[in-house]
Each structure stands twice: as structure tokens, then as C-alpha cells.
């Protein structure tokens, strides 16, 4: 039993060390947002080309992710409610490895006002990163990433809000 406990502790410590020093980003600050198309289960397509000239916040989450459950209500209260009518802003909340029906059931329970987009095969997520959620990419009007966050802390979320407000002023 002690052996399994020790091995488990080692695995957790290794995971934490990797998360702190990870190279999980494919897209970094200063780089262009990758081109992508979100295809819903009913065939409706949303292309990243539609966001040209807008500030875009892309949030990757999963319904089973505890930090995501903390972050999404904050996105709704602190960002969506404030900027949803701003013509220069677009929010994409993307469910990694979820289809549209799973997201509909999830939103039935949570009641978010913003739309949820499926990424059932990780195609979009894999254009941005290798792992770790929640994950946010803030993209400026020029199409370049101006802020990246992974995980959720109130401090990091406050920085995201500050960067977003600044980007919308420019």
C-alpha cells in the first residue's frame, strides 16, 4: 500500500512540475491566431476569418474540468455581460472533446448566456496547444495573440480582464 501511495505522490509531483514548466503552447503571445473553422453538429460553420478586425477571446474548456467550472461563470459575469454588445468583441467558448448535444445538455444545467462551440476531435484546440485547460487566448484586432492563460486563478483572470479592456480601447 505504501508503495502505491509513494508512486501516486511521485506522479502528482511530476505532473505539477510539468504544468509549471510546460511547453504546452503551440501559439504564443505575438503570433497570429491560427485559421480554423468550427463545425457544429448541424453543419453550421463559423470561420476564424469572420473575426478580422475584432478582439477575440477564445476559451477552451471541458465539462468535467473543475477549474473550468470556476472560470466559466466569471467569464459570463465579468466579460460576457460587459462586452456582449460591443461590435469589436467576439467570445468563443469551445468545448474540447465535446459535441454540440453534450454542450447543450451541459448548458441546460449551467444556463450560460454565451454560446458554446464544439471541438469534438480537438482539431481547433490542437492548433493552439498540446494540453491543459481551461485555456484562454486573447487575440487583438490585428489577429495576433496578446495574452495567453492556462488554468484558473483569480489573479490571472483579473489580468485577462485588464488586457481585454486595453485591447478594446485600441
N, C-alpha and C. Protein backbone atom coordinates (compact mmCIF):
# COMPACT_ATOMS: atom_id res chain seq x y z
N UNK A 1 0.82 -1.20 0.00
CA UNK A 1 0.00 0.00 0.00
C UNK A 1 0.86 1.26 0.00
N UNK A 2 1.93 1.24 0.82
CA UNK A 2 2.83 2.39 0.89
C UNK A 2 3.50 2.62 -0.46
N UNK A 3 3.79 1.53 -1.13
CA UNK A 3 4.44 1.62 -2.45
C UNK A 3 3.53 2.36 -3.44
N UNK A 4 2.23 2.03 -3.45
CA UNK A 4 1.29 2.68 -4.36
C UNK A 4 1.07 4.15 -3.99
N UNK A 5 1.05 4.42 -2.72
CA UNK A 5 0.91 5.80 -2.27
C UNK A 5 2.12 6.62 -2.70
N UNK A 6 3.31 6.06 -2.55
CA UNK A 6 4.53 6.74 -2.95
C UNK A 6 4.55 6.98 -4.47
N UNK A 7 4.18 5.96 -5.23
CA UNK A 7 4.14 6.10 -6.69
C UNK A 7 3.12 7.16 -7.11
N UNK A 8 1.97 7.18 -6.46
CA UNK A 8 0.95 8.18 -6.76
C UNK A 8 1.45 9.58 -6.46
N UNK A 9 2.12 9.73 -5.33
CA UNK A 9 2.68 11.02 -4.96
C UNK A 9 3.72 11.47 -5.97
N UNK A 10 4.55 10.56 -6.43
CA UNK A 10 5.56 10.88 -7.44
C UNK A 10 4.92 11.34 -8.75
N UNK A 11 3.87 10.65 -9.15
CA UNK A 11 3.17 11.02 -10.39
C UNK A 11 2.55 12.42 -10.28
N UNK A 12 1.93 12.70 -9.14
CA UNK A 12 1.32 14.02 -8.94
C UNK A 12 2.39 15.11 -8.96
N UNK A 13 3.50 14.88 -8.28
CA UNK A 13 4.58 15.87 -8.26
C UNK A 13 5.16 16.09 -9.65
N UNK A 14 5.30 15.02 -10.41
CA UNK A 14 5.80 15.14 -11.79
C UNK A 14 4.83 15.94 -12.63
N UNK A 15 3.53 15.67 -12.49
CA UNK A 15 2.52 16.40 -13.25
C UNK A 15 2.54 17.88 -12.91
N UNK A 16 2.66 18.21 -11.62
CA UNK A 16 2.70 19.61 -11.19
C UNK A 16 3.94 20.30 -11.75
N UNK A 17 5.07 19.64 -11.68
CA UNK A 17 6.31 20.23 -12.21
C UNK A 17 6.20 20.48 -13.71
N UNK A 18 5.62 19.54 -14.44
CA UNK A 18 5.44 19.72 -15.88
C UNK A 18 4.47 20.85 -16.18
N UNK A 19 3.41 20.94 -15.39
CA UNK A 19 2.42 22.00 -15.61
C UNK A 19 3.03 23.37 -15.38
N UNK A 20 3.93 23.47 -14.40
CA UNK A 20 4.55 24.76 -14.11
C UNK A 20 5.61 25.12 -15.14
N UNK A 21 6.28 24.14 -15.70
CA UNK A 21 7.34 24.39 -16.66
C UNK A 21 6.98 23.81 -18.03
N UNK A 22 5.70 23.80 -18.34
CA UNK A 22 5.28 23.09 -19.54
C UNK A 22 5.57 23.90 -20.80
N UNK A 23 5.66 23.19 -21.87
CA UNK A 23 5.77 23.78 -23.20
C UNK A 23 4.52 23.39 -23.97
N UNK A 24 3.38 23.58 -23.34
CA UNK A 24 2.13 23.11 -23.92
C UNK A 24 1.55 24.07 -24.95
N UNK A 25 2.11 25.25 -25.08
CA UNK A 25 1.61 26.21 -26.04
C UNK A 25 2.18 25.94 -27.43
N UNK A 26 1.32 25.94 -28.41
CA UNK A 26 1.75 25.94 -29.80
C UNK A 26 1.76 27.39 -30.26
N UNK A 27 0.69 28.11 -29.91
CA UNK A 27 0.57 29.53 -30.25
C UNK A 27 0.96 30.35 -29.04
N UNK A 28 1.85 31.30 -29.26
CA UNK A 28 2.36 32.14 -28.17
C UNK A 28 2.01 33.60 -28.42
N UNK A 29 2.16 34.41 -27.39
CA UNK A 29 1.92 35.85 -27.49
C UNK A 29 2.77 36.41 -28.63
N UNK A 30 2.14 37.24 -29.46
CA UNK A 30 2.82 37.85 -30.59
C UNK A 30 2.62 37.12 -31.90
N UNK A 31 2.16 35.89 -31.82
CA UNK A 31 1.92 35.11 -33.04
C UNK A 31 0.49 35.29 -33.53
N UNK A 32 0.30 35.01 -34.81
CA UNK A 32 -1.03 35.12 -35.40
C UNK A 32 -1.93 33.99 -34.90
N UNK A 33 -3.20 34.31 -34.76
CA UNK A 33 -4.19 33.30 -34.41
C UNK A 33 -4.26 32.30 -35.57
N UNK A 34 -4.24 31.01 -35.28
CA UNK A 34 -4.38 30.02 -36.36
C UNK A 34 -5.74 30.14 -37.05
N UNK A 35 -5.77 29.82 -38.32
CA UNK A 35 -7.04 29.78 -39.04
C UNK A 35 -7.76 28.49 -38.65
N UNK A 36 -9.07 28.59 -38.43
CA UNK A 36 -9.86 27.41 -38.08
C UNK A 36 -11.31 27.63 -38.45
N UNK A 37 -12.03 26.55 -38.51
CA UNK A 37 -13.47 26.59 -38.74
C UNK A 37 -14.13 25.68 -37.72
N UNK A 38 -15.11 26.22 -37.02
CA UNK A 38 -15.89 25.43 -36.08
C UNK A 38 -17.10 24.91 -36.85
N UNK A 39 -17.29 23.61 -36.81
CA UNK A 39 -18.43 22.99 -37.49
C UNK A 39 -19.33 22.38 -36.42
N UNK A 40 -20.55 22.88 -36.35
CA UNK A 40 -21.49 22.33 -35.38
C UNK A 40 -22.06 21.02 -35.92
N UNK A 41 -22.73 20.29 -35.06
CA UNK A 41 -23.30 19.01 -35.45
C UNK A 41 -24.32 19.15 -36.59
N UNK A 42 -24.97 20.31 -36.66
CA UNK A 42 -25.97 20.50 -37.72
C UNK A 42 -25.35 21.05 -39.01
N UNK A 43 -24.01 21.20 -39.03
CA UNK A 43 -23.31 21.63 -40.23
C UNK A 43 -23.03 23.11 -40.33
N UNK A 44 -23.54 23.91 -39.39
CA UNK A 44 -23.27 25.34 -39.40
C UNK A 44 -21.78 25.57 -39.17
N UNK A 45 -21.20 26.47 -39.98
CA UNK A 45 -19.76 26.72 -39.89
C UNK A 45 -19.49 28.15 -39.42
N UNK A 46 -18.51 28.29 -38.55
CA UNK A 46 -18.02 29.59 -38.11
C UNK A 46 -16.53 29.60 -38.38
N UNK A 47 -16.08 30.55 -39.19
CA UNK A 47 -14.67 30.61 -39.58
C UNK A 47 -13.95 31.72 -38.82
N UNK A 48 -12.70 31.47 -38.49
CA UNK A 48 -11.90 32.49 -37.80
C UNK A 48 -11.72 33.73 -38.68
N UNK A 49 -11.87 33.59 -39.98
CA UNK A 49 -11.77 34.75 -40.88
C UNK A 49 -12.86 35.79 -40.59
N UNK A 50 -13.97 35.35 -39.98
CA UNK A 50 -15.06 36.27 -39.63
C UNK A 50 -14.67 37.25 -38.53
N UNK A 51 -13.56 36.99 -37.85
CA UNK A 51 -13.18 37.80 -36.69
C UNK A 51 -12.19 38.90 -37.04
N UNK A 52 -11.87 39.06 -38.30
CA UNK A 52 -10.89 40.06 -38.72
C UNK A 52 -11.30 41.44 -38.22
N UNK A 53 -10.36 42.13 -37.58
CA UNK A 53 -10.62 43.47 -37.07
C UNK A 53 -11.33 43.51 -35.72
N UNK A 54 -11.52 42.35 -35.10
CA UNK A 54 -12.19 42.27 -33.79
C UNK A 54 -11.23 41.75 -32.74
N UNK A 55 -11.52 42.08 -31.49
CA UNK A 55 -10.82 41.48 -30.36
C UNK A 55 -11.56 40.19 -30.05
N UNK A 56 -10.83 39.09 -29.99
CA UNK A 56 -11.45 37.78 -29.81
C UNK A 56 -10.88 37.12 -28.56
N UNK A 57 -11.76 36.63 -27.72
CA UNK A 57 -11.35 35.81 -26.58
C UNK A 57 -11.80 34.39 -26.88
N UNK A 58 -10.80 33.49 -26.96
CA UNK A 58 -11.07 32.07 -27.20
C UNK A 58 -10.78 31.34 -25.90
N UNK A 59 -11.80 30.67 -25.40
CA UNK A 59 -11.69 29.92 -24.15
C UNK A 59 -11.94 28.44 -24.45
N UNK A 60 -10.97 27.61 -24.10
CA UNK A 60 -11.13 26.17 -24.22
C UNK A 60 -11.46 25.60 -22.84
N UNK A 61 -12.45 24.72 -22.79
CA UNK A 61 -12.87 24.14 -21.52
C UNK A 61 -13.37 22.72 -21.75
N UNK A 62 -13.65 22.02 -20.66
CA UNK A 62 -14.32 20.72 -20.71
C UNK A 62 -15.33 20.68 -19.57
N UNK A 63 -16.41 19.97 -19.78
CA UNK A 63 -17.48 19.92 -18.79
C UNK A 63 -17.06 19.22 -17.51
N UNK A 64 -16.05 18.38 -17.56
CA UNK A 64 -15.58 17.62 -16.40
C UNK A 64 -14.47 18.32 -15.63
N UNK A 65 -14.02 19.47 -16.08
CA UNK A 65 -12.84 20.16 -15.55
C UNK A 65 -13.22 21.11 -14.40
N UNK A 66 -12.80 20.82 -13.15
CA UNK A 66 -13.15 21.69 -12.01
C UNK A 66 -12.70 23.15 -12.17
N UNK A 67 -11.46 23.45 -12.61
CA UNK A 67 -11.11 24.86 -12.78
C UNK A 67 -11.96 25.56 -13.84
N UNK A 68 -12.38 24.81 -14.86
CA UNK A 68 -13.25 25.37 -15.89
C UNK A 68 -14.59 25.79 -15.27
N UNK A 69 -15.07 24.99 -14.32
CA UNK A 69 -16.35 25.27 -13.66
C UNK A 69 -16.27 26.56 -12.84
N UNK A 70 -15.08 26.90 -12.38
CA UNK A 70 -14.88 28.17 -11.66
C UNK A 70 -14.76 29.34 -12.64
N UNK A 71 -14.08 29.10 -13.75
CA UNK A 71 -13.80 30.18 -14.68
C UNK A 71 -15.01 30.60 -15.52
N UNK A 72 -15.78 29.64 -16.03
CA UNK A 72 -16.88 29.98 -16.93
C UNK A 72 -17.91 30.94 -16.33
N UNK A 73 -18.33 30.78 -15.07
CA UNK A 73 -19.25 31.78 -14.50
C UNK A 73 -18.62 33.17 -14.43
N UNK A 74 -17.31 33.23 -14.19
CA UNK A 74 -16.62 34.53 -14.16
C UNK A 74 -16.57 35.15 -15.56
N UNK A 75 -16.37 34.32 -16.56
CA UNK A 75 -16.39 34.83 -17.94
C UNK A 75 -17.76 35.43 -18.23
N UNK A 76 -18.80 34.75 -17.79
CA UNK A 76 -20.14 35.29 -18.05
C UNK A 76 -20.36 36.60 -17.31
N UNK A 77 -20.05 36.63 -16.01
CA UNK A 77 -20.32 37.82 -15.19
C UNK A 77 -19.40 39.00 -15.53
N UNK A 78 -18.12 38.71 -15.66
CA UNK A 78 -17.13 39.78 -15.77
C UNK A 78 -16.80 40.19 -17.21
N UNK A 79 -17.03 39.31 -18.16
CA UNK A 79 -16.65 39.60 -19.55
C UNK A 79 -17.87 39.63 -20.47
N UNK A 80 -18.62 38.55 -20.52
CA UNK A 80 -19.75 38.48 -21.45
C UNK A 80 -20.78 39.58 -21.18
N UNK A 81 -21.19 39.72 -19.93
CA UNK A 81 -22.19 40.76 -19.61
C UNK A 81 -21.69 42.16 -19.96
N UNK A 82 -20.43 42.39 -19.82
CA UNK A 82 -19.85 43.71 -20.07
C UNK A 82 -19.65 44.00 -21.56
N UNK A 83 -19.26 42.99 -22.33
CA UNK A 83 -18.84 43.25 -23.71
C UNK A 83 -19.70 42.59 -24.78
N UNK A 84 -20.74 41.88 -24.42
CA UNK A 84 -21.52 41.12 -25.41
C UNK A 84 -22.10 41.99 -26.52
N UNK A 85 -22.37 43.26 -26.25
CA UNK A 85 -22.94 44.15 -27.26
C UNK A 85 -21.89 45.01 -27.95
N UNK A 86 -20.63 44.80 -27.62
CA UNK A 86 -19.54 45.57 -28.24
C UNK A 86 -19.26 44.99 -29.63
N UNK A 87 -19.42 45.79 -30.66
CA UNK A 87 -19.26 45.31 -32.04
C UNK A 87 -17.82 44.89 -32.35
N UNK A 88 -16.87 45.31 -31.52
CA UNK A 88 -15.47 44.97 -31.75
C UNK A 88 -15.01 43.75 -30.96
N UNK A 89 -15.95 43.05 -30.31
CA UNK A 89 -15.59 41.91 -29.46
C UNK A 89 -16.30 40.64 -29.89
N UNK A 90 -15.59 39.53 -29.79
CA UNK A 90 -16.18 38.22 -30.05
C UNK A 90 -15.67 37.22 -29.01
N UNK A 91 -16.55 36.43 -28.46
CA UNK A 91 -16.21 35.41 -27.47
C UNK A 91 -16.50 34.04 -28.06
N UNK A 92 -15.51 33.16 -28.00
CA UNK A 92 -15.68 31.77 -28.43
C UNK A 92 -15.36 30.88 -27.25
N UNK A 93 -16.36 30.23 -26.70
CA UNK A 93 -16.17 29.29 -25.60
C UNK A 93 -16.30 27.91 -26.23
N UNK A 94 -15.17 27.21 -26.30
CA UNK A 94 -15.07 25.98 -27.08
C UNK A 94 -14.91 24.77 -26.16
N UNK A 95 -15.83 23.83 -26.29
CA UNK A 95 -15.81 22.60 -25.50
C UNK A 95 -14.88 21.58 -26.14
N UNK A 96 -13.72 21.40 -25.53
CA UNK A 96 -12.73 20.46 -26.05
C UNK A 96 -13.25 19.03 -25.86
N UNK A 97 -13.27 18.28 -26.94
CA UNK A 97 -13.72 16.89 -26.97
C UNK A 97 -15.21 16.73 -26.65
N UNK A 98 -15.98 17.75 -26.96
CA UNK A 98 -17.43 17.69 -26.75
C UNK A 98 -18.14 17.95 -28.07
N UNK A 99 -19.29 17.31 -28.24
CA UNK A 99 -20.12 17.60 -29.40
C UNK A 99 -21.22 18.56 -28.99
N UNK A 100 -21.98 18.98 -29.97
CA UNK A 100 -22.99 20.01 -29.73
C UNK A 100 -24.08 19.54 -28.75
N UNK A 101 -24.49 18.29 -28.84
CA UNK A 101 -25.55 17.82 -27.94
C UNK A 101 -25.05 17.74 -26.49
N UNK A 102 -23.80 17.34 -26.29
CA UNK A 102 -23.23 17.33 -24.93
C UNK A 102 -23.18 18.74 -24.36
N UNK A 103 -22.80 19.70 -25.20
CA UNK A 103 -22.73 21.09 -24.75
C UNK A 103 -24.13 21.64 -24.45
N UNK A 104 -25.11 21.23 -25.24
CA UNK A 104 -26.49 21.68 -25.00
C UNK A 104 -26.99 21.17 -23.65
N UNK A 105 -26.71 19.91 -23.34
CA UNK A 105 -27.11 19.34 -22.04
C UNK A 105 -26.39 20.05 -20.90
N UNK A 106 -25.11 20.30 -21.08
CA UNK A 106 -24.32 20.99 -20.06
C UNK A 106 -24.88 22.39 -19.83
N UNK A 107 -25.18 23.09 -20.91
CA UNK A 107 -25.67 24.46 -20.77
C UNK A 107 -27.09 24.49 -20.20
N UNK A 108 -27.83 23.43 -20.40
CA UNK A 108 -29.16 23.32 -19.79
C UNK A 108 -29.04 23.38 -18.27
N UNK A 109 -27.99 22.73 -17.74
CA UNK A 109 -27.75 22.73 -16.29
C UNK A 109 -27.17 24.06 -15.82
N UNK A 110 -26.23 24.62 -16.60
CA UNK A 110 -25.50 25.80 -16.16
C UNK A 110 -26.19 27.11 -16.52
N UNK A 111 -26.87 27.15 -17.65
CA UNK A 111 -27.61 28.34 -18.05
C UNK A 111 -26.76 29.52 -18.49
N UNK A 112 -25.65 29.26 -19.16
CA UNK A 112 -24.82 30.36 -19.66
C UNK A 112 -25.52 31.08 -20.81
N UNK A 113 -25.35 32.39 -20.86
CA UNK A 113 -25.96 33.19 -21.93
C UNK A 113 -25.10 33.20 -23.19
N UNK A 114 -23.82 32.93 -23.06
CA UNK A 114 -22.95 32.93 -24.24
C UNK A 114 -23.04 31.58 -24.95
N UNK A 115 -22.75 31.58 -26.26
CA UNK A 115 -22.80 30.31 -26.98
C UNK A 115 -21.61 29.42 -26.66
N UNK A 116 -21.83 28.12 -26.75
CA UNK A 116 -20.78 27.12 -26.58
C UNK A 116 -20.56 26.44 -27.93
N UNK A 117 -19.29 26.27 -28.30
CA UNK A 117 -18.95 25.69 -29.59
C UNK A 117 -18.24 24.34 -29.40
N UNK A 118 -18.58 23.35 -30.21
CA UNK A 118 -17.96 22.03 -30.06
C UNK A 118 -16.60 21.92 -30.77
N UNK A 119 -15.73 21.14 -30.17
CA UNK A 119 -14.45 20.77 -30.79
C UNK A 119 -14.22 19.29 -30.46
N UNK A 120 -15.11 18.45 -30.99
CA UNK A 120 -15.17 17.05 -30.57
C UNK A 120 -13.91 16.25 -30.86
N UNK A 121 -13.13 16.64 -31.84
CA UNK A 121 -11.92 15.90 -32.17
C UNK A 121 -10.64 16.64 -31.82
N UNK A 122 -10.77 17.72 -31.04
CA UNK A 122 -9.63 18.55 -30.62
C UNK A 122 -8.91 19.21 -31.79
N UNK A 123 -9.54 19.30 -32.91
CA UNK A 123 -8.89 19.88 -34.09
C UNK A 123 -8.51 21.34 -33.85
N UNK A 124 -9.41 22.11 -33.28
CA UNK A 124 -9.13 23.52 -33.03
C UNK A 124 -8.15 23.65 -31.87
N UNK A 125 -8.41 22.95 -30.78
CA UNK A 125 -7.52 23.01 -29.63
C UNK A 125 -6.09 22.65 -30.03
N UNK A 126 -5.94 21.60 -30.84
CA UNK A 126 -4.60 21.16 -31.25
C UNK A 126 -3.87 22.16 -32.13
N UNK A 127 -4.58 23.13 -32.69
CA UNK A 127 -3.92 24.20 -33.44
C UNK A 127 -3.31 25.23 -32.49
N UNK A 128 -3.79 25.25 -31.24
CA UNK A 128 -3.35 26.24 -30.25
C UNK A 128 -2.40 25.65 -29.21
N UNK A 129 -2.66 24.42 -28.76
CA UNK A 129 -1.93 23.89 -27.61
C UNK A 129 -1.91 22.37 -27.63
N UNK A 130 -1.05 21.82 -26.76
CA UNK A 130 -0.96 20.38 -26.62
C UNK A 130 -1.85 19.85 -25.50
N UNK A 131 -1.94 20.60 -24.39
CA UNK A 131 -2.73 20.14 -23.25
C UNK A 131 -3.04 21.31 -22.33
N UNK A 132 -3.66 21.02 -21.22
CA UNK A 132 -4.04 21.92 -20.13
C UNK A 132 -5.23 22.81 -20.46
N UNK A 133 -6.26 22.68 -19.63
CA UNK A 133 -7.43 23.54 -19.69
C UNK A 133 -7.81 23.92 -18.27
N UNK A 134 -8.55 24.96 -18.05
CA UNK A 134 -9.01 25.91 -19.05
C UNK A 134 -7.83 26.67 -19.65
N UNK A 135 -8.06 27.19 -20.81
CA UNK A 135 -7.02 27.89 -21.54
C UNK A 135 -7.68 29.03 -22.31
N UNK A 136 -7.07 30.22 -22.22
CA UNK A 136 -7.61 31.40 -22.89
C UNK A 136 -6.57 31.99 -23.82
N UNK A 137 -7.06 32.42 -24.98
CA UNK A 137 -6.24 33.16 -25.93
C UNK A 137 -6.98 34.44 -26.25
N UNK A 138 -6.33 35.56 -25.95
CA UNK A 138 -6.89 36.86 -26.29
C UNK A 138 -6.19 37.35 -27.54
N UNK A 139 -6.97 37.62 -28.57
CA UNK A 139 -6.43 38.00 -29.87
C UNK A 139 -6.83 39.44 -30.16
N UNK A 140 -5.85 40.26 -30.55
CA UNK A 140 -6.10 41.66 -30.86
C UNK A 140 -6.73 41.85 -32.23
N UNK A 141 -7.10 43.07 -32.52
CA UNK A 141 -7.75 43.39 -33.79
C UNK A 141 -6.86 43.09 -34.99
N UNK A 142 -5.56 43.03 -34.76
CA UNK A 142 -4.62 42.72 -35.84
C UNK A 142 -4.47 41.22 -36.08
N UNK A 143 -5.19 40.41 -35.30
CA UNK A 143 -5.15 38.96 -35.48
C UNK A 143 -4.03 38.27 -34.73
N UNK A 144 -3.28 39.03 -33.91
CA UNK A 144 -2.18 38.44 -33.16
C UNK A 144 -2.57 38.23 -31.70
N UNK A 145 -2.05 37.17 -31.13
CA UNK A 145 -2.34 36.83 -29.74
C UNK A 145 -1.65 37.84 -28.82
N UNK A 146 -2.42 38.41 -27.90
CA UNK A 146 -1.85 39.40 -26.98
C UNK A 146 -1.80 38.90 -25.53
N UNK A 147 -2.48 37.79 -25.26
CA UNK A 147 -2.44 37.24 -23.91
C UNK A 147 -2.84 35.77 -23.96
N UNK A 148 -2.16 34.96 -23.16
CA UNK A 148 -2.46 33.53 -23.05
C UNK A 148 -2.50 33.17 -21.57
N UNK A 149 -3.51 32.41 -21.17
CA UNK A 149 -3.54 31.90 -19.80
C UNK A 149 -3.97 30.45 -19.84
N UNK A 150 -3.50 29.71 -18.84
CA UNK A 150 -3.91 28.32 -18.69
C UNK A 150 -4.14 28.05 -17.22
N UNK A 151 -5.15 27.24 -16.96
CA UNK A 151 -5.57 27.06 -15.59
C UNK A 151 -6.45 28.24 -15.20
N UNK A 152 -6.82 28.28 -13.93
CA UNK A 152 -7.64 29.40 -13.46
C UNK A 152 -7.19 29.82 -12.08
N UNK A 153 -6.87 31.12 -11.97
CA UNK A 153 -6.69 31.77 -10.68
C UNK A 153 -7.36 33.14 -10.79
N UNK A 154 -7.86 33.66 -9.69
CA UNK A 154 -8.46 35.00 -9.74
C UNK A 154 -7.49 36.06 -10.25
N UNK A 155 -6.21 35.92 -9.90
CA UNK A 155 -5.21 36.91 -10.32
C UNK A 155 -5.01 36.87 -11.84
N UNK A 156 -4.90 35.68 -12.38
CA UNK A 156 -4.71 35.55 -13.83
C UNK A 156 -5.96 36.02 -14.58
N UNK A 157 -7.13 35.74 -14.02
CA UNK A 157 -8.37 36.18 -14.64
C UNK A 157 -8.46 37.71 -14.63
N UNK A 158 -8.02 38.33 -13.55
CA UNK A 158 -8.00 39.80 -13.48
C UNK A 158 -7.07 40.38 -14.55
N UNK A 159 -5.95 39.73 -14.78
CA UNK A 159 -5.02 40.18 -15.82
C UNK A 159 -5.66 40.03 -17.21
N UNK A 160 -6.37 38.96 -17.43
CA UNK A 160 -7.09 38.77 -18.69
C UNK A 160 -8.09 39.90 -18.91
N UNK A 161 -8.83 40.26 -17.87
CA UNK A 161 -9.80 41.35 -17.98
C UNK A 161 -9.10 42.67 -18.30
N UNK A 162 -7.97 42.91 -17.66
CA UNK A 162 -7.23 44.15 -17.90
C UNK A 162 -6.74 44.20 -19.36
N UNK A 163 -6.19 43.11 -19.84
CA UNK A 163 -5.70 43.05 -21.23
C UNK A 163 -6.84 43.20 -22.23
N UNK A 164 -7.99 42.62 -21.92
CA UNK A 164 -9.15 42.73 -22.79
C UNK A 164 -9.63 44.18 -22.88
N UNK A 165 -9.77 44.83 -21.74
CA UNK A 165 -10.21 46.24 -21.73
C UNK A 165 -9.23 47.11 -22.51
N UNK A 166 -7.96 46.86 -22.33
CA UNK A 166 -6.93 47.61 -23.05
C UNK A 166 -7.03 47.37 -24.56
N UNK A 167 -7.23 46.14 -24.97
CA UNK A 167 -7.29 45.82 -26.39
C UNK A 167 -8.52 46.48 -27.05
N UNK A 168 -9.62 46.56 -26.32
CA UNK A 168 -10.82 47.17 -26.89
C UNK A 168 -10.72 48.69 -26.97
N UNK A 169 -9.83 49.30 -26.21
CA UNK A 169 -9.61 50.74 -26.28
C UNK A 169 -8.82 51.12 -27.52
N UNK A 170 -7.96 50.22 -27.95
CA UNK A 170 -7.08 50.50 -29.12
C UNK A 170 -7.82 50.38 -30.43
